[in-house]
Amino acid sequence: SNRVRHRDFIHDEFSSLRQRWRQQRRLRFASRALRVEDAPTPSDICWDNLDFPGNRRRIRRCLVLLSCVILLLTCMLLFSGLKQVSIVAQAYEGTACQDKGDECECEVAGYRNVLNDEPAGVYDRCRPWLAHKIKGGVLATSVTG
């Protein structure tokens, strides 16, 4: 029938990309090539969203993209900052004990490890420090509390 031939002609003229590039001026609309596609079946259409304008949809997509980028940048900055703090803390930990000698090693080891001699030999090195803490009453309250 004429209707089927006309439909096939329209589909052939406007559907392929190559045809749209070479489309005649008289077949264009507002100097733009027309594109023809088969209509979706009514069950594939989300009818509730038809009244939602395309520009609002684009704005929402941009806002979601912007939010994701901000979230990623925030996480990257947070992890980078924490890494720098860790590096500074490790560097400070190495230099903090230079002036104090054995006392610093004992502080870092902690009372419980010194009393249990962990690591081995720390009890012998920290005996004066431990005696000083016992005299000051710090260890008595720490061990009982």
N, C-alpha and C. Protein backbone atom coordinates (compact mmCIF):
# COMPACT_ATOMS: atom_id res chain seq x y z
N SER A 1 0.83 -1.18 0.00
CA SER A 1 0.00 0.00 0.00
C SER A 1 0.88 1.25 0.00
N ASN A 2 0.26 2.38 -0.33
CA ASN A 2 1.00 3.65 -0.39
C ASN A 2 1.52 4.06 0.99
N ARG A 3 0.73 3.79 1.98
CA ARG A 3 1.13 4.19 3.34
C ARG A 3 2.40 3.46 3.78
N VAL A 4 2.51 2.18 3.50
CA VAL A 4 3.69 1.40 3.87
C VAL A 4 4.90 1.88 3.08
N ARG A 5 4.73 2.13 1.78
CA ARG A 5 5.85 2.62 0.97
C ARG A 5 6.30 3.99 1.45
N HIS A 6 5.36 4.85 1.81
CA HIS A 6 5.71 6.18 2.30
C HIS A 6 6.45 6.07 3.63
N ARG A 7 5.97 5.20 4.52
CA ARG A 7 6.64 4.99 5.80
C ARG A 7 8.06 4.48 5.59
N ASP A 8 8.25 3.54 4.71
CA ASP A 8 9.59 3.00 4.43
C ASP A 8 10.50 4.06 3.82
N PHE A 9 9.94 4.92 2.93
CA PHE A 9 10.75 5.99 2.35
C PHE A 9 11.22 6.96 3.43
N ILE A 10 10.29 7.39 4.30
CA ILE A 10 10.64 8.31 5.38
C ILE A 10 11.70 7.68 6.28
N HIS A 11 11.50 6.44 6.62
CA HIS A 11 12.47 5.75 7.49
C HIS A 11 13.84 5.68 6.83
N ASP A 12 13.90 5.36 5.56
CA ASP A 12 15.19 5.26 4.85
C ASP A 12 15.86 6.63 4.72
N GLU A 13 15.09 7.68 4.49
CA GLU A 13 15.66 9.00 4.27
C GLU A 13 16.18 9.64 5.55
N PHE A 14 15.56 9.38 6.68
CA PHE A 14 15.88 10.12 7.90
C PHE A 14 16.52 9.29 9.01
N SER A 15 16.66 7.99 8.86
CA SER A 15 17.09 7.19 10.00
C SER A 15 18.60 7.02 10.11
N SER A 16 19.30 6.86 9.02
CA SER A 16 20.73 6.57 9.14
C SER A 16 21.54 7.87 9.29
N LEU A 17 22.63 7.77 9.98
CA LEU A 17 23.50 8.93 10.22
C LEU A 17 24.06 9.45 8.90
N ARG A 18 24.45 8.54 8.06
CA ARG A 18 25.01 8.93 6.77
C ARG A 18 23.98 9.71 5.95
N GLN A 19 22.74 9.27 6.00
CA GLN A 19 21.69 9.95 5.25
C GLN A 19 21.43 11.35 5.83
N ARG A 20 21.52 11.48 7.15
CA ARG A 20 21.28 12.79 7.75
C ARG A 20 22.37 13.79 7.36
N TRP A 21 23.62 13.32 7.21
CA TRP A 21 24.69 14.23 6.80
C TRP A 21 24.47 14.75 5.39
N ARG A 22 23.96 13.89 4.56
CA ARG A 22 23.76 14.26 3.16
C ARG A 22 22.32 14.69 2.88
N GLN A 23 21.57 14.96 3.90
CA GLN A 23 20.17 15.28 3.72
C GLN A 23 19.99 16.59 2.95
N GLN A 24 19.06 16.58 2.01
CA GLN A 24 18.81 17.77 1.21
C GLN A 24 18.22 18.88 2.08
N ARG A 25 18.44 20.12 1.65
CA ARG A 25 17.97 21.28 2.42
C ARG A 25 16.45 21.27 2.57
N ARG A 26 15.76 20.87 1.56
CA ARG A 26 14.30 20.88 1.64
C ARG A 26 13.76 19.88 2.64
N LEU A 27 14.59 18.88 3.00
CA LEU A 27 14.15 17.88 3.98
C LEU A 27 14.58 18.23 5.40
N ARG A 28 15.27 19.35 5.57
CA ARG A 28 15.74 19.76 6.89
C ARG A 28 14.72 20.67 7.56
N PHE A 29 14.82 20.78 8.87
CA PHE A 29 13.96 21.67 9.62
C PHE A 29 14.85 22.63 10.40
N ALA A 30 14.70 23.94 10.14
CA ALA A 30 15.50 24.99 10.79
C ALA A 30 16.99 24.69 10.61
N SER A 31 17.38 24.31 9.41
CA SER A 31 18.76 24.01 9.03
C SER A 31 19.35 22.82 9.79
N ARG A 32 18.52 22.03 10.38
CA ARG A 32 19.00 20.84 11.08
C ARG A 32 18.44 19.60 10.42
N ALA A 33 19.29 18.57 10.37
CA ALA A 33 18.83 17.32 9.78
C ALA A 33 17.83 16.65 10.70
N LEU A 34 16.79 16.11 10.12
CA LEU A 34 15.78 15.42 10.90
C LEU A 34 16.21 13.98 11.13
N ARG A 35 15.75 13.45 12.26
CA ARG A 35 16.04 12.05 12.60
C ARG A 35 14.71 11.38 12.90
N VAL A 36 14.53 10.23 12.31
CA VAL A 36 13.28 9.50 12.50
C VAL A 36 13.61 8.17 13.16
N GLU A 37 12.83 7.84 14.20
CA GLU A 37 12.97 6.56 14.88
C GLU A 37 11.59 5.95 15.03
N ASP A 38 11.56 4.65 15.22
CA ASP A 38 10.30 4.00 15.53
C ASP A 38 9.86 4.41 16.92
N ALA A 39 8.58 4.64 17.08
CA ALA A 39 8.05 5.04 18.39
C ALA A 39 8.11 3.86 19.35
N PRO A 40 8.38 4.15 20.63
CA PRO A 40 8.38 3.06 21.61
C PRO A 40 6.96 2.57 21.86
N THR A 41 6.85 1.37 22.33
CA THR A 41 5.53 0.84 22.66
C THR A 41 5.01 1.57 23.89
N PRO A 42 3.71 1.73 24.01
CA PRO A 42 3.15 2.47 25.16
C PRO A 42 3.54 1.88 26.52
N SER A 43 3.78 0.59 26.59
CA SER A 43 4.16 -0.01 27.88
C SER A 43 5.60 0.36 28.26
N ASP A 44 6.42 0.82 27.31
CA ASP A 44 7.80 1.21 27.60
C ASP A 44 7.92 2.67 28.02
N ILE A 45 6.83 3.41 27.99
CA ILE A 45 6.86 4.84 28.31
C ILE A 45 6.46 5.02 29.78
N CYS A 46 7.24 5.80 30.50
CA CYS A 46 6.90 6.15 31.88
C CYS A 46 6.06 7.42 31.82
N TRP A 47 4.76 7.26 31.83
CA TRP A 47 3.84 8.36 31.58
C TRP A 47 3.91 9.44 32.65
N ASP A 48 4.30 9.08 33.88
CA ASP A 48 4.38 10.07 34.95
C ASP A 48 5.47 11.11 34.70
N ASN A 49 6.49 10.75 33.94
CA ASN A 49 7.61 11.65 33.71
C ASN A 49 7.49 12.49 32.45
N LEU A 50 6.43 12.33 31.71
CA LEU A 50 6.30 13.08 30.46
C LEU A 50 6.16 14.58 30.69
N ASP A 51 5.58 14.98 31.82
CA ASP A 51 5.42 16.41 32.07
C ASP A 51 6.65 17.02 32.74
N PHE A 52 7.69 16.26 32.94
CA PHE A 52 8.93 16.74 33.55
C PHE A 52 9.81 17.32 32.45
N PRO A 53 10.03 18.65 32.41
CA PRO A 53 10.76 19.27 31.29
C PRO A 53 12.21 18.80 31.20
N GLY A 54 12.70 18.78 29.98
CA GLY A 54 14.08 18.34 29.74
C GLY A 54 15.12 19.22 30.40
N ASN A 55 14.87 20.53 30.46
CA ASN A 55 15.87 21.41 31.08
C ASN A 55 15.98 21.14 32.58
N ARG A 56 14.88 20.82 33.25
CA ARG A 56 14.94 20.46 34.68
C ARG A 56 15.70 19.15 34.86
N ARG A 57 15.52 18.23 33.93
CA ARG A 57 16.24 16.95 33.99
C ARG A 57 17.74 17.18 33.83
N ARG A 58 18.13 18.06 32.92
CA ARG A 58 19.55 18.38 32.73
C ARG A 58 20.14 19.06 33.96
N ILE A 59 19.36 19.96 34.56
CA ILE A 59 19.83 20.64 35.78
C ILE A 59 20.06 19.63 36.89
N ARG A 60 19.14 18.70 37.05
CA ARG A 60 19.30 17.68 38.10
C ARG A 60 20.51 16.79 37.82
N ARG A 61 20.72 16.43 36.57
CA ARG A 61 21.89 15.62 36.23
C ARG A 61 23.18 16.37 36.56
N CYS A 62 23.20 17.68 36.25
CA CYS A 62 24.38 18.49 36.56
C CYS A 62 24.61 18.58 38.06
N LEU A 63 23.53 18.74 38.82
CA LEU A 63 23.66 18.81 40.28
C LEU A 63 24.18 17.50 40.87
N VAL A 64 23.70 16.39 40.34
CA VAL A 64 24.19 15.09 40.81
C VAL A 64 25.66 14.92 40.46
N LEU A 65 26.03 15.29 39.26
CA LEU A 65 27.43 15.20 38.84
C LEU A 65 28.31 16.09 39.71
N LEU A 66 27.86 17.32 39.94
CA LEU A 66 28.61 18.25 40.78
C LEU A 66 28.76 17.71 42.21
N SER A 67 27.68 17.15 42.75
CA SER A 67 27.74 16.57 44.09
C SER A 67 28.73 15.42 44.16
N CYS A 68 28.74 14.57 43.15
CA CYS A 68 29.69 13.45 43.13
C CYS A 68 31.13 13.95 43.05
N VAL A 69 31.37 14.96 42.23
CA VAL A 69 32.73 15.50 42.11
C VAL A 69 33.17 16.12 43.43
N ILE A 70 32.28 16.87 44.08
CA ILE A 70 32.62 17.48 45.37
C ILE A 70 32.89 16.40 46.41
N LEU A 71 32.09 15.34 46.43
CA LEU A 71 32.30 14.24 47.37
C LEU A 71 33.65 13.56 47.12
N LEU A 72 33.97 13.31 45.87
CA LEU A 72 35.26 12.68 45.55
C LEU A 72 36.43 13.57 45.93
N LEU A 73 36.33 14.86 45.63
CA LEU A 73 37.41 15.78 45.98
C LEU A 73 37.57 15.89 47.50
N THR A 74 36.46 15.92 48.22
CA THR A 74 36.52 15.97 49.68
C THR A 74 37.21 14.74 50.23
N CYS A 75 36.86 13.58 49.73
CA CYS A 75 37.51 12.34 50.19
C CYS A 75 38.99 12.34 49.85
N MET A 76 39.33 12.78 48.65
CA MET A 76 40.74 12.82 48.27
C MET A 76 41.52 13.77 49.16
N LEU A 77 40.97 14.95 49.43
CA LEU A 77 41.64 15.91 50.30
C LEU A 77 41.75 15.39 51.73
N LEU A 78 40.72 14.74 52.21
CA LEU A 78 40.74 14.18 53.56
C LEU A 78 41.82 13.11 53.69
N PHE A 79 41.85 12.18 52.74
CA PHE A 79 42.86 11.12 52.79
C PHE A 79 44.26 11.68 52.62
N SER A 80 44.41 12.66 51.74
CA SER A 80 45.72 13.28 51.55
C SER A 80 46.17 13.99 52.82
N GLY A 81 45.27 14.71 53.46
CA GLY A 81 45.60 15.40 54.71
C GLY A 81 45.96 14.43 55.81
N LEU A 82 45.21 13.35 55.93
CA LEU A 82 45.52 12.35 56.95
C LEU A 82 46.86 11.67 56.69
N LYS A 83 47.18 11.46 55.43
CA LYS A 83 48.48 10.88 55.08
C LYS A 83 49.61 11.81 55.51
N GLN A 84 49.43 13.12 55.25
CA GLN A 84 50.45 14.09 55.65
C GLN A 84 50.60 14.14 57.16
N VAL A 85 49.48 14.09 57.88
CA VAL A 85 49.54 14.09 59.34
C VAL A 85 50.27 12.85 59.83
N SER A 86 50.02 11.72 59.20
CA SER A 86 50.71 10.48 59.58
C SER A 86 52.20 10.59 59.34
N ILE A 87 52.59 11.17 58.23
CA ILE A 87 54.02 11.33 57.92
C ILE A 87 54.68 12.25 58.93
N VAL A 88 54.01 13.35 59.25
CA VAL A 88 54.57 14.30 60.22
C VAL A 88 54.66 13.64 61.60
N ALA A 89 53.64 12.89 61.98
CA ALA A 89 53.64 12.22 63.28
C ALA A 89 54.78 11.20 63.36
N GLN A 90 55.01 10.46 62.29
CA GLN A 90 56.11 9.49 62.29
C GLN A 90 57.45 10.20 62.38
N ALA A 91 57.59 11.30 61.69
CA ALA A 91 58.85 12.05 61.75
C ALA A 91 59.05 12.64 63.14
N TYR A 92 57.97 13.13 63.76
CA TYR A 92 58.07 13.71 65.10
C TYR A 92 58.37 12.64 66.13
N GLU A 93 57.78 11.46 65.95
CA GLU A 93 58.01 10.37 66.89
C GLU A 93 59.48 9.99 66.95
N GLY A 94 60.14 10.04 65.81
CA GLY A 94 61.57 9.71 65.77
C GLY A 94 62.43 10.76 66.44
N THR A 95 62.03 12.04 66.36
CA THR A 95 62.85 13.10 66.93
C THR A 95 62.46 13.44 68.36
N ALA A 96 61.27 13.03 68.79
CA ALA A 96 60.80 13.40 70.13
C ALA A 96 61.64 12.74 71.22
N CYS A 97 62.20 11.59 70.96
CA CYS A 97 62.95 10.86 71.98
C CYS A 97 64.43 11.18 71.99
N GLN A 98 64.92 12.01 71.12
CA GLN A 98 66.36 12.27 71.04
C GLN A 98 66.88 12.96 72.29
N ASP A 99 66.12 13.89 72.86
CA ASP A 99 66.59 14.65 74.01
C ASP A 99 66.36 13.92 75.32
N LYS A 100 65.43 13.01 75.39
CA LYS A 100 65.04 12.39 76.65
C LYS A 100 65.77 11.08 76.94
N GLY A 101 66.31 10.43 75.94
CA GLY A 101 67.04 9.19 76.17
C GLY A 101 66.13 8.04 76.53
N ASP A 102 66.52 7.29 77.60
CA ASP A 102 65.77 6.09 78.01
C ASP A 102 64.36 6.42 78.49
N GLU A 103 64.20 7.60 79.06
CA GLU A 103 62.88 7.98 79.58
C GLU A 103 61.82 7.96 78.48
N CYS A 104 62.19 8.42 77.30
CA CYS A 104 61.24 8.45 76.19
C CYS A 104 60.89 7.03 75.75
N GLU A 105 61.86 6.17 75.68
CA GLU A 105 61.60 4.78 75.31
C GLU A 105 60.64 4.15 76.30
N CYS A 106 60.81 4.47 77.57
CA CYS A 106 59.94 3.92 78.61
C CYS A 106 58.52 4.47 78.47
N GLU A 107 58.39 5.76 78.20
CA GLU A 107 57.07 6.37 78.01
C GLU A 107 56.35 5.73 76.83
N VAL A 108 57.10 5.54 75.74
CA VAL A 108 56.50 4.95 74.53
C VAL A 108 56.08 3.51 74.80
N ALA A 109 56.90 2.76 75.53
CA ALA A 109 56.58 1.36 75.83
C ALA A 109 55.37 1.26 76.74
N GLY A 110 55.23 2.17 77.69
CA GLY A 110 54.09 2.13 78.61
C GLY A 110 54.39 1.30 79.84
N TYR A 111 53.66 1.57 80.92
CA TYR A 111 53.91 0.91 82.20
C TYR A 111 53.76 -0.60 82.11
N ARG A 112 52.69 -1.04 81.52
CA ARG A 112 52.39 -2.48 81.48
C ARG A 112 53.49 -3.24 80.74
N ASN A 113 53.93 -2.72 79.59
CA ASN A 113 54.98 -3.40 78.83
C ASN A 113 56.31 -3.39 79.57
N VAL A 114 56.61 -2.29 80.27
CA VAL A 114 57.86 -2.24 81.04
C VAL A 114 57.81 -3.28 82.15
N LEU A 115 56.70 -3.37 82.87
CA LEU A 115 56.56 -4.34 83.95
C LEU A 115 56.61 -5.78 83.44
N ASN A 116 56.09 -6.01 82.23
CA ASN A 116 56.12 -7.35 81.64
C ASN A 116 57.40 -7.62 80.84
N ASP A 117 58.30 -6.62 80.79
CA ASP A 117 59.57 -6.72 80.05
C ASP A 117 59.33 -7.04 78.56
N GLU A 118 58.40 -6.28 77.97
CA GLU A 118 58.13 -6.42 76.54
C GLU A 118 58.36 -5.08 75.87
N PRO A 119 59.24 -4.96 74.94
CA PRO A 119 60.18 -5.95 74.39
C PRO A 119 61.26 -6.28 75.41
N ALA A 120 61.89 -7.39 75.16
CA ALA A 120 62.87 -7.92 76.11
C ALA A 120 63.95 -6.88 76.41
N GLY A 121 64.28 -6.73 77.70
CA GLY A 121 65.33 -5.82 78.12
C GLY A 121 64.84 -4.43 78.48
N VAL A 122 63.58 -4.12 78.19
CA VAL A 122 63.08 -2.78 78.47
C VAL A 122 62.94 -2.55 79.98
N TYR A 123 62.68 -3.62 80.74
CA TYR A 123 62.55 -3.47 82.19
C TYR A 123 63.87 -3.02 82.81
N ASP A 124 64.99 -3.63 82.36
CA ASP A 124 66.29 -3.25 82.91
C ASP A 124 66.64 -1.81 82.54
N ARG A 125 66.35 -1.40 81.31
CA ARG A 125 66.67 -0.03 80.89
C ARG A 125 65.77 1.00 81.56
N CYS A 126 64.55 0.61 81.93
CA CYS A 126 63.59 1.56 82.47
C CYS A 126 63.43 1.49 83.99
N ARG A 127 64.30 0.75 84.66
CA ARG A 127 64.19 0.62 86.12
C ARG A 127 64.24 1.98 86.82
N PRO A 128 65.19 2.88 86.49
CA PRO A 128 65.19 4.20 87.16
C PRO A 128 63.91 5.00 86.86
N TRP A 129 63.46 4.94 85.64
CA TRP A 129 62.23 5.64 85.26
C TRP A 129 61.04 5.10 86.05
N LEU A 130 60.97 3.77 86.17
CA LEU A 130 59.90 3.12 86.89
C LEU A 130 59.93 3.51 88.37
N ALA A 131 61.14 3.54 88.97
CA ALA A 131 61.28 3.92 90.38
C ALA A 131 60.83 5.37 90.59
N HIS A 132 61.18 6.24 89.63
CA HIS A 132 60.78 7.64 89.72
C HIS A 132 59.25 7.77 89.66
N LYS A 133 58.60 6.99 88.79
CA LYS A 133 57.15 7.04 88.66
C LYS A 133 56.47 6.49 89.91
N ILE A 134 57.07 5.45 90.51
CA ILE A 134 56.49 4.88 91.73
C ILE A 134 56.58 5.89 92.87
N LYS A 135 57.74 6.57 92.98
CA LYS A 135 57.90 7.58 94.03
C LYS A 135 56.91 8.73 93.83
N GLY A 136 56.64 9.07 92.59
CA GLY A 136 55.73 10.18 92.30
C GLY A 136 54.28 9.78 92.49
N GLY A 137 54.00 8.52 92.66
CA GLY A 137 52.63 8.05 92.87
C GLY A 137 51.84 7.85 91.59
N VAL A 138 52.47 8.08 90.45
CA VAL A 138 51.76 7.95 89.18
C VAL A 138 51.45 6.50 88.89
N LEU A 139 52.40 5.62 89.12
CA LEU A 139 52.20 4.21 88.78
C LEU A 139 51.21 3.56 89.71
N ALA A 140 51.19 3.91 90.97
CA ALA A 140 50.27 3.29 91.91
C ALA A 140 48.82 3.55 91.51
N THR A 141 48.49 4.77 91.11
CA THR A 141 47.12 5.06 90.69
C THR A 141 46.83 4.47 89.33
N SER A 142 47.84 4.39 88.47
CA SER A 142 47.63 3.85 87.12
C SER A 142 47.39 2.36 87.17
N VAL A 143 48.11 1.64 88.00
CA VAL A 143 47.97 0.19 88.04
C VAL A 143 46.68 -0.19 88.74
N THR A 144 46.33 0.49 89.81
CA THR A 144 45.10 0.15 90.54
C THR A 144 43.86 0.64 89.82
N GLY A 145 43.94 1.74 89.08
CA GLY A 145 42.76 2.32 88.42
C GLY A 145 42.61 1.77 87.11
